[in-house]
N, C-alpha and C. Protein backbone atom coordinates (compact mmCIF):
# COMPACT_ATOMS: atom_id res chain seq x y z
N MET A 1 104.01 70.01 82.43
CA MET A 1 103.39 68.72 82.33
C MET A 1 102.04 68.86 81.64
N GLU A 2 101.79 67.96 80.71
CA GLU A 2 100.55 67.98 79.94
C GLU A 2 99.40 67.44 80.78
N LYS A 3 98.30 68.16 80.78
CA LYS A 3 97.13 67.73 81.53
C LYS A 3 96.21 66.95 80.60
N VAL A 4 95.92 65.72 80.96
CA VAL A 4 95.08 64.85 80.15
C VAL A 4 93.70 64.76 80.79
N GLY A 5 92.68 64.84 79.97
CA GLY A 5 91.33 64.65 80.46
C GLY A 5 90.47 65.89 80.50
N ILE A 6 91.02 67.02 80.12
CA ILE A 6 90.25 68.27 80.15
C ILE A 6 89.02 68.16 79.24
N ASN A 7 89.22 67.61 78.05
CA ASN A 7 88.10 67.49 77.11
C ASN A 7 87.10 66.44 77.56
N ILE A 8 87.59 65.42 78.23
CA ILE A 8 86.69 64.40 78.78
C ILE A 8 85.79 65.03 79.83
N GLU A 9 86.37 65.90 80.67
CA GLU A 9 85.57 66.60 81.69
C GLU A 9 84.53 67.50 81.04
N LYS A 10 84.92 68.24 79.99
CA LYS A 10 83.98 69.11 79.30
C LYS A 10 82.84 68.29 78.69
N MET A 11 83.22 67.15 78.10
CA MET A 11 82.23 66.28 77.49
C MET A 11 81.25 65.77 78.54
N GLN A 12 81.75 65.40 79.70
CA GLN A 12 80.88 64.90 80.77
C GLN A 12 79.92 65.99 81.23
N GLU A 13 80.39 67.22 81.33
CA GLU A 13 79.50 68.32 81.68
C GLU A 13 78.39 68.48 80.65
N MET A 14 78.77 68.34 79.36
CA MET A 14 77.77 68.47 78.30
C MET A 14 76.76 67.33 78.35
N ILE A 15 77.21 66.14 78.68
CA ILE A 15 76.30 65.00 78.81
C ILE A 15 75.22 65.32 79.85
N ASN A 16 75.62 65.99 80.92
CA ASN A 16 74.70 66.30 82.02
C ASN A 16 73.95 67.62 81.84
N THR A 17 74.16 68.29 80.70
CA THR A 17 73.48 69.55 80.42
C THR A 17 72.45 69.33 79.32
N PRO A 18 71.19 69.28 79.67
CA PRO A 18 70.16 69.01 78.65
C PRO A 18 69.95 70.21 77.72
N LEU A 19 69.53 69.90 76.52
CA LEU A 19 69.15 70.92 75.56
C LEU A 19 67.63 70.87 75.45
N VAL A 20 66.99 72.01 75.63
CA VAL A 20 65.54 72.08 75.58
C VAL A 20 65.15 73.08 74.50
N PRO A 21 64.40 72.65 73.52
CA PRO A 21 63.98 71.28 73.23
C PRO A 21 65.15 70.49 72.66
N PRO A 22 65.15 69.18 72.83
CA PRO A 22 66.26 68.38 72.34
C PRO A 22 66.27 68.32 70.80
N PRO A 23 67.41 68.66 70.20
CA PRO A 23 67.49 68.58 68.73
C PRO A 23 67.55 67.11 68.27
N ASP A 24 67.31 66.91 66.99
CA ASP A 24 67.28 65.55 66.43
C ASP A 24 68.60 64.81 66.60
N TRP A 25 69.71 65.50 66.53
CA TRP A 25 71.03 64.87 66.53
C TRP A 25 71.53 64.54 67.94
N ILE A 26 70.89 65.00 68.99
CA ILE A 26 71.44 64.89 70.34
C ILE A 26 71.52 63.44 70.83
N ARG A 27 70.61 62.60 70.45
CA ARG A 27 70.63 61.22 70.92
C ARG A 27 71.88 60.50 70.42
N LYS A 28 72.21 60.70 69.15
CA LYS A 28 73.42 60.09 68.59
C LYS A 28 74.67 60.66 69.27
N TRP A 29 74.69 61.97 69.48
CA TRP A 29 75.82 62.61 70.15
C TRP A 29 75.98 62.05 71.56
N GLN A 30 74.88 61.95 72.28
CA GLN A 30 74.89 61.46 73.66
C GLN A 30 75.44 60.03 73.73
N THR A 31 75.02 59.19 72.81
CA THR A 31 75.48 57.80 72.78
C THR A 31 76.98 57.74 72.57
N GLU A 32 77.48 58.51 71.62
CA GLU A 32 78.92 58.54 71.35
C GLU A 32 79.69 59.09 72.56
N ALA A 33 79.18 60.13 73.17
CA ALA A 33 79.85 60.73 74.33
C ALA A 33 79.90 59.75 75.50
N GLU A 34 78.81 59.06 75.75
CA GLU A 34 78.79 58.09 76.85
C GLU A 34 79.74 56.93 76.58
N HIS A 35 79.87 56.52 75.32
CA HIS A 35 80.82 55.46 74.96
C HIS A 35 82.26 55.94 75.22
N LEU A 36 82.55 57.16 74.82
CA LEU A 36 83.90 57.70 75.06
C LEU A 36 84.18 57.83 76.56
N LEU A 37 83.18 58.20 77.31
CA LEU A 37 83.34 58.30 78.76
C LEU A 37 83.67 56.94 79.36
N TYR A 38 82.99 55.91 78.88
CA TYR A 38 83.29 54.54 79.32
C TYR A 38 84.73 54.16 78.96
N LEU A 39 85.16 54.46 77.74
CA LEU A 39 86.53 54.16 77.32
C LEU A 39 87.55 54.91 78.17
N ALA A 40 87.23 56.14 78.54
CA ALA A 40 88.12 56.92 79.39
C ALA A 40 88.27 56.27 80.76
N HIS A 41 87.15 55.86 81.34
CA HIS A 41 87.21 55.21 82.66
C HIS A 41 88.00 53.90 82.59
N THR A 42 87.78 53.14 81.52
CA THR A 42 88.50 51.88 81.35
C THR A 42 90.01 52.13 81.22
N ALA A 43 90.38 53.11 80.42
CA ALA A 43 91.80 53.44 80.24
C ALA A 43 92.42 53.93 81.54
N LYS A 44 91.68 54.73 82.29
CA LYS A 44 92.18 55.23 83.57
C LYS A 44 92.41 54.10 84.55
N GLU A 45 91.45 53.18 84.64
CA GLU A 45 91.58 52.05 85.56
C GLU A 45 92.75 51.15 85.18
N ALA A 46 93.02 51.03 83.87
CA ALA A 46 94.11 50.19 83.40
C ALA A 46 95.46 50.91 83.45
N GLY A 47 95.42 52.21 83.73
CA GLY A 47 96.65 52.99 83.76
C GLY A 47 97.25 53.21 82.38
N ASP A 48 96.39 53.19 81.34
CA ASP A 48 96.83 53.33 79.96
C ASP A 48 96.76 54.79 79.53
N LEU A 49 97.85 55.51 79.77
CA LEU A 49 97.89 56.95 79.50
C LEU A 49 97.76 57.24 78.01
N GLU A 50 98.36 56.43 77.16
CA GLU A 50 98.26 56.66 75.71
C GLU A 50 96.81 56.56 75.24
N ARG A 51 96.12 55.54 75.70
CA ARG A 51 94.71 55.38 75.32
C ARG A 51 93.86 56.52 75.88
N LEU A 52 94.18 56.96 77.07
CA LEU A 52 93.46 58.08 77.67
C LEU A 52 93.66 59.35 76.85
N LYS A 53 94.88 59.55 76.34
CA LYS A 53 95.14 60.71 75.47
C LYS A 53 94.33 60.62 74.19
N GLU A 54 94.23 59.41 73.61
CA GLU A 54 93.44 59.22 72.39
C GLU A 54 91.96 59.55 72.65
N VAL A 55 91.45 59.05 73.75
CA VAL A 55 90.04 59.29 74.08
C VAL A 55 89.81 60.78 74.33
N ASP A 56 90.77 61.45 74.96
CA ASP A 56 90.65 62.89 75.20
C ASP A 56 90.60 63.65 73.87
N GLY A 57 91.38 63.19 72.90
CA GLY A 57 91.34 63.81 71.57
C GLY A 57 89.99 63.63 70.90
N GLU A 58 89.42 62.44 71.02
CA GLU A 58 88.08 62.19 70.49
C GLU A 58 87.05 63.04 71.22
N ALA A 59 87.21 63.18 72.51
CA ALA A 59 86.28 64.01 73.30
C ALA A 59 86.35 65.46 72.82
N GLU A 60 87.55 65.92 72.52
CA GLU A 60 87.70 67.29 72.00
C GLU A 60 86.91 67.47 70.71
N ARG A 61 86.95 66.46 69.86
CA ARG A 61 86.23 66.52 68.58
C ARG A 61 84.72 66.61 68.80
N ILE A 62 84.17 65.79 69.69
CA ILE A 62 82.71 65.83 69.82
C ILE A 62 82.23 67.01 70.67
N VAL A 63 83.09 67.52 71.55
CA VAL A 63 82.75 68.76 72.27
C VAL A 63 82.64 69.90 71.26
N ALA A 64 83.61 69.97 70.36
CA ALA A 64 83.57 71.02 69.32
C ALA A 64 82.35 70.85 68.42
N SER A 65 82.01 69.59 68.12
CA SER A 65 80.85 69.33 67.28
C SER A 65 79.57 69.84 67.92
N ARG A 66 79.41 69.55 69.22
CA ARG A 66 78.18 70.01 69.91
C ARG A 66 78.16 71.53 69.99
N LYS A 67 79.31 72.13 70.30
CA LYS A 67 79.35 73.59 70.38
C LYS A 67 78.96 74.23 69.06
N SER A 68 79.50 73.69 67.95
CA SER A 68 79.20 74.28 66.65
C SER A 68 77.73 74.13 66.28
N LYS A 69 77.13 73.00 66.66
CA LYS A 69 75.72 72.78 66.34
C LYS A 69 74.80 73.63 67.21
N THR A 70 75.19 73.90 68.44
CA THR A 70 74.31 74.68 69.32
C THR A 70 74.50 76.18 69.15
N GLU A 71 75.63 76.57 68.61
CA GLU A 71 75.89 78.00 68.44
C GLU A 71 75.44 78.52 67.10
N SER A 72 75.01 77.64 66.20
CA SER A 72 74.59 78.11 64.88
C SER A 72 73.12 78.34 64.79
């Protein structure tokens, strides 16, 4: 069985993990991540598994984006 939401969980952890000092791009990243988190909660409450999968895919993209920016 496919587990949905792993990337959403990773993204939420990143939202709650501050970067010191905060880079210039973090505010935009944070806004997008919080929007995706809202969409995930909405999809979960509606029982919309397909939408939840889409949001998880988007979460995977921005998790990778933050990792690449912080590791370089």
